[in-house]
Amino acid sequence: MNEVFVVIPTIVEHPHKYFLLDQLHQEPMVKQILLIDNGDCFPGLNPKYTNWSKIWRVRPGCNLNWLHSCNFGAAIALQQRVPYVCFLNDDVWLSRNFFKSIMPAFEHNPDAALLAPSYNGQFDPVAHDSRHTSEWTSTPEDIAVPHIDGTCMVLPLKTIETVGFLDPTFRHPGWGAEIDYAHRVKAAGNNVYVTRRAMVWHQPNMGGTSAVQIYGSRDKWLSRGCRQAREDLETKYGPQWREVLSLPEDSFK
């Protein structure tokens, strides 16, 4: 079985994560759910979650944020030799049989080293399907893309072994690091895909449940995040970073 190690960074309390845990626990392909609890945000965790053998809650004692939480989880997945890793936001809802639906995309695309499902957020390079969960249907279509959004990233363990971790030089929480990682995957001779076989819905359509609380508003979150991504990507790739990374001219503006 193609087992999956799911890494979920979390920092503030909100109800969406509990629905997600219910979904993931019912997924037979999920071997482990690693909750990186950066904010000690499970004050009244239901005993049913603590009794589930799949859930492993880690409290690092500081805010590792998204990037370093994902790298922490990737290191554990490497040690445990779980074939696939999924970096997943805590405020999403998954289509039915999520990982069972996703795995054929890797089978049909041997060059796939990084993959994302369809997604209703604005940062998906091929986002167009934002129908309600009751209306959405799976389609066996996989689209090669220059990059994907970091909301949900699925990758084989061999990708981490060959490409490495997310670049820790990107400042917290890691805006732009998923763009950089996709570029490194392609530079290693592999490819990046969005698949229509599975779907992720951000609970607020654009996501950012935690970020909005932390930064004060969606506008402040987007403004700071986009500015930080521009600066960090330009630092790494130079003034022509959009051209180097095959990004549109209006990216992160």
Protein backbone atom coordinates (compact mmCIF):
# COMPACT_ATOMS: atom_id res chain seq x y z
CA MET A 1 0.00 0.00 0.00
CA ASN A 2 1.21 3.53 -0.82
CA GLU A 3 1.06 4.89 2.71
CA VAL A 4 1.09 8.64 3.36
CA PHE A 5 2.66 10.63 6.19
CA VAL A 6 0.55 13.79 6.65
CA VAL A 7 2.16 16.87 8.19
CA ILE A 8 -0.19 19.58 9.50
CA PRO A 9 1.30 22.77 10.95
CA THR A 10 -1.14 24.59 13.22
CA ILE A 11 -0.92 27.63 15.46
CA VAL A 12 -4.36 29.01 16.43
CA GLU A 13 -7.58 27.41 17.62
CA HIS A 14 -10.39 27.05 15.06
CA PRO A 15 -13.00 24.36 14.32
CA HIS A 16 -11.92 23.44 10.80
CA LYS A 17 -8.97 21.31 11.93
CA TYR A 18 -11.24 18.90 13.81
CA PHE A 19 -13.27 18.19 10.68
CA LEU A 20 -10.03 17.60 8.82
CA LEU A 21 -8.79 15.15 11.46
CA ASP A 22 -12.05 13.21 11.15
CA GLN A 23 -11.57 12.98 7.40
CA LEU A 24 -7.94 11.93 7.55
CA HIS A 25 -8.55 9.27 10.16
CA GLN A 26 -10.99 7.60 7.79
CA GLU A 27 -8.44 7.54 4.96
CA PRO A 28 -6.96 4.01 4.87
CA MET A 29 -3.79 5.17 3.12
CA VAL A 30 -2.89 7.62 5.90
CA LYS A 31 -0.26 5.99 8.08
CA GLN A 32 0.44 8.93 10.40
CA ILE A 33 -0.96 12.41 11.00
CA LEU A 34 1.73 14.62 12.49
CA LEU A 35 0.23 17.70 14.13
CA ILE A 36 2.89 20.34 14.67
CA ASP A 37 1.13 22.32 17.40
CA ASN A 38 3.02 25.61 17.27
CA GLY A 39 0.59 27.48 19.49
CA ASP A 40 -0.57 24.89 22.03
CA CYS A 41 -3.95 25.30 20.37
CA PHE A 42 -5.74 22.12 21.42
CA PRO A 43 -6.86 23.14 24.91
CA GLY A 44 -9.80 20.75 24.97
CA LEU A 45 -8.80 18.05 22.52
CA ASN A 46 -11.54 15.44 22.36
CA PRO A 47 -10.39 12.10 23.83
CA LYS A 48 -11.28 10.37 20.58
CA TYR A 49 -8.42 12.24 18.87
CA THR A 50 -5.90 11.46 21.58
CA ASN A 51 -6.89 7.80 21.39
CA TRP A 52 -6.42 7.57 17.65
CA SER A 53 -3.17 5.80 16.91
CA LYS A 54 -2.73 7.71 13.65
CA ILE A 55 -2.43 11.12 15.32
CA TRP A 56 0.87 12.26 16.74
CA ARG A 57 0.78 15.72 18.30
CA VAL A 58 4.13 17.48 18.72
CA ARG A 59 4.45 20.72 20.70
CA PRO A 60 7.83 22.25 19.73
CA GLY A 61 7.69 24.96 22.41
CA CYS A 62 8.11 27.72 19.84
CA ASN A 63 6.49 28.71 16.57
CA LEU A 64 8.25 26.73 13.84
CA ASN A 65 5.76 28.17 11.34
CA TRP A 66 4.73 26.49 8.11
CA LEU A 67 8.13 26.01 6.46
CA HIS A 68 10.06 24.61 9.38
CA SER A 69 7.09 22.53 10.52
CA CYS A 70 7.00 20.88 7.09
CA ASN A 71 10.75 20.25 7.17
CA PHE A 72 10.45 18.77 10.66
CA GLY A 73 7.74 16.41 9.43
CA ALA A 74 9.74 15.51 6.32
CA ALA A 75 12.70 14.52 8.48
CA ILE A 76 10.51 12.17 10.51
CA ALA A 77 8.98 10.69 7.36
CA LEU A 78 12.48 10.01 6.05
CA GLN A 79 13.41 8.25 9.27
CA GLN A 80 10.22 6.15 9.20
CA ARG A 81 10.50 5.44 5.45
CA VAL A 82 6.87 6.29 4.65
CA PRO A 83 6.58 6.25 0.82
CA TYR A 84 4.65 9.53 0.46
CA VAL A 85 4.51 12.81 2.39
CA CYS A 86 1.72 15.38 2.37
CA PHE A 87 2.15 18.93 3.66
CA LEU A 88 -1.37 20.08 4.47
CA ASN A 89 -2.94 23.26 5.85
CA ASP A 90 -5.21 22.84 8.86
CA ASP A 91 -8.23 24.77 7.48
CA VAL A 92 -9.18 22.62 4.49
CA TRP A 93 -11.77 20.06 3.49
CA LEU A 94 -10.82 17.12 1.27
CA SER A 95 -12.71 15.36 -1.48
CA ARG A 96 -13.81 11.80 -0.81
CA ASN A 97 -11.17 9.05 -0.94
CA PHE A 98 -8.60 11.80 -1.24
CA PHE A 99 -5.31 9.89 -1.29
CA LYS A 100 -6.75 6.89 -3.08
CA SER A 101 -7.77 9.30 -5.84
CA ILE A 102 -4.41 11.07 -5.94
CA MET A 103 -2.08 8.08 -6.21
CA PRO A 104 -2.98 7.16 -9.82
CA ALA A 105 -1.59 10.55 -10.85
CA PHE A 106 1.87 9.35 -9.80
CA GLU A 107 1.33 6.02 -11.58
CA HIS A 108 0.31 7.73 -14.83
CA ASN A 109 3.11 10.31 -14.65
CA PRO A 110 6.43 8.64 -13.75
CA ASP A 111 8.14 12.06 -13.81
CA ALA A 112 5.79 13.45 -11.13
CA ALA A 113 7.91 14.43 -8.12
CA LEU A 114 5.56 17.04 -6.64
CA LEU A 115 1.81 17.13 -6.93
CA ALA A 116 -1.18 19.14 -5.74
CA PRO A 117 -4.90 18.48 -6.00
CA SER A 118 -7.35 20.90 -7.55
CA TYR A 119 -7.92 23.78 -5.21
CA ASN A 120 -10.33 26.70 -4.79
CA GLY A 121 -7.74 29.24 -3.64
CA GLN A 122 -6.47 32.12 -5.71
CA PHE A 123 -2.85 30.98 -5.74
CA ASP A 124 -3.46 27.73 -7.65
CA PRO A 125 -1.91 28.22 -11.12
CA VAL A 126 -4.79 26.33 -12.76
CA ALA A 127 -7.60 26.99 -10.28
CA HIS A 128 -11.02 27.04 -11.91
CA ASP A 129 -13.13 24.51 -10.08
CA SER A 130 -14.62 25.93 -6.90
CA ARG A 131 -17.89 24.00 -6.94
CA HIS A 132 -19.35 22.87 -3.65
CA THR A 133 -18.23 19.50 -2.32
CA SER A 134 -21.59 17.96 -3.21
CA GLU A 135 -21.23 19.01 -6.88
CA TRP A 136 -17.58 18.23 -7.54
CA THR A 137 -16.56 15.06 -9.41
CA SER A 138 -13.16 13.49 -9.89
CA THR A 139 -11.59 13.66 -13.37
CA PRO A 140 -8.55 11.59 -14.47
CA GLU A 141 -6.65 14.64 -15.69
CA ASP A 142 -3.16 15.71 -14.60
CA ILE A 143 -1.71 19.05 -15.70
CA ALA A 144 2.01 19.85 -15.72
CA VAL A 145 2.55 23.26 -14.11
CA PRO A 146 5.57 25.43 -13.26
CA HIS A 147 4.62 25.59 -9.57
CA ILE A 148 1.87 24.77 -7.07
CA ASP A 149 0.33 26.34 -4.01
CA GLY A 150 1.61 25.21 -0.62
CA THR A 151 -1.86 24.54 0.82
CA CYS A 152 -1.56 20.86 -0.07
CA MET A 153 1.62 19.34 -1.47
CA VAL A 154 2.04 15.60 -2.00
CA LEU A 155 5.44 14.17 -2.82
CA PRO A 156 7.15 10.79 -2.90
CA LEU A 157 9.80 10.20 -0.29
CA LYS A 158 12.38 9.94 -3.08
CA THR A 159 11.72 13.61 -3.94
CA ILE A 160 12.86 14.65 -0.47
CA GLU A 161 15.87 12.36 -0.79
CA THR A 162 16.95 13.89 -4.10
CA VAL A 163 15.74 17.51 -3.92
CA GLY A 164 16.03 18.02 -0.17
CA PHE A 165 13.90 20.06 2.21
CA LEU A 166 12.17 23.40 1.76
CA ASP A 167 14.79 26.15 1.74
CA PRO A 168 15.06 27.44 5.34
CA THR A 169 16.44 30.80 4.19
CA PHE A 170 12.88 31.85 3.32
CA ARG A 171 11.59 33.90 6.22
CA HIS A 172 8.72 32.78 8.43
CA PRO A 173 6.20 31.49 7.58
CA GLY A 174 7.76 30.57 4.22
CA TRP A 175 6.00 32.57 1.54
CA GLY A 176 7.51 31.67 -1.83
CA ALA A 177 9.26 28.54 -0.55
CA GLU A 178 6.87 26.23 -2.40
CA ILE A 179 7.60 28.15 -5.64
CA ASP A 180 11.30 27.64 -5.04
CA TYR A 181 10.79 23.95 -4.27
CA ALA A 182 8.85 23.36 -7.49
CA HIS A 183 11.67 25.03 -9.43
CA ARG A 184 14.22 22.77 -7.75
CA VAL A 185 12.11 19.70 -8.58
CA LYS A 186 12.08 20.67 -12.25
CA ALA A 187 15.79 21.50 -12.19
CA ALA A 188 16.40 17.94 -10.98
CA GLY A 189 14.75 16.63 -14.17
CA ASN A 190 11.30 15.84 -12.76
CA ASN A 191 7.94 17.51 -13.05
CA VAL A 192 5.22 19.24 -11.04
CA TYR A 193 1.53 18.50 -11.53
CA VAL A 194 -1.93 19.59 -10.48
CA THR A 195 -4.39 16.71 -10.64
CA ARG A 196 -8.14 16.90 -11.16
CA ARG A 197 -8.51 13.51 -9.48
CA ALA A 198 -8.86 15.06 -6.01
CA MET A 199 -9.93 18.42 -4.60
CA VAL A 200 -9.11 20.62 -1.61
CA TRP A 201 -11.45 23.34 -0.41
CA HIS A 202 -10.11 26.07 1.84
CA GLN A 203 -12.79 26.76 4.42
CA PRO A 204 -12.62 30.50 3.78
CA ASN A 205 -12.21 30.41 0.00
CA MET A 206 -8.76 31.98 0.02
CA GLY A 207 -7.56 30.28 3.17
CA GLY A 208 -5.49 31.98 5.81
CA THR A 209 -7.65 31.11 8.82
CA SER A 210 -4.64 31.36 11.13
CA ALA A 211 -2.86 34.14 9.24
CA VAL A 212 -5.86 36.48 9.39
CA GLN A 213 -5.95 36.11 13.17
CA ILE A 214 -2.20 36.62 13.49
CA TYR A 215 -1.84 39.63 11.15
CA GLY A 216 -5.16 41.28 11.99
CA SER A 217 -6.88 41.15 8.60
CA ARG A 218 -6.77 39.40 5.23
CA ASP A 219 -5.43 42.55 3.54
CA LYS A 220 -2.55 42.84 6.01
CA TRP A 221 -1.76 39.13 5.66
CA LEU A 222 -1.69 39.27 1.86
CA SER A 223 0.28 42.50 1.75
CA ARG A 224 2.99 41.27 4.09
CA GLY A 225 3.14 37.80 2.59
CA CYS A 226 3.39 38.96 -1.01
CA ARG A 227 6.04 41.55 -0.17
CA GLN A 228 8.07 38.98 1.71
CA ALA A 229 7.83 36.45 -1.13
CA ARG A 230 8.97 39.06 -3.66
CA GLU A 231 11.95 40.00 -1.54
CA ASP A 232 13.03 36.45 -0.74
CA LEU A 233 12.62 35.16 -4.29
CA GLU A 234 14.54 38.12 -5.68
CA THR A 235 17.30 37.57 -3.12
CA LYS A 236 17.70 33.98 -4.27
CA TYR A 237 17.12 34.32 -8.03
CA GLY A 238 17.95 37.93 -8.82
CA PRO A 239 15.93 40.79 -10.37
CA GLN A 240 14.56 38.49 -13.10
CA TRP A 241 13.15 36.00 -10.62
CA ARG A 242 9.71 35.88 -12.24
CA GLU A 243 11.25 34.95 -15.58
CA VAL A 244 13.59 32.39 -14.00
CA LEU A 245 10.71 30.75 -12.13
CA SER A 246 8.19 30.98 -15.02
CA LEU A 247 5.87 33.19 -13.02
CA PRO A 248 3.45 35.76 -14.45
CA GLU A 249 4.37 39.43 -14.19
CA ASP A 250 1.67 40.09 -11.61
CA SER A 251 2.74 37.31 -9.26
CA PHE A 252 2.98 38.34 -5.60
CA LYS A 253 1.87 41.91 -6.29
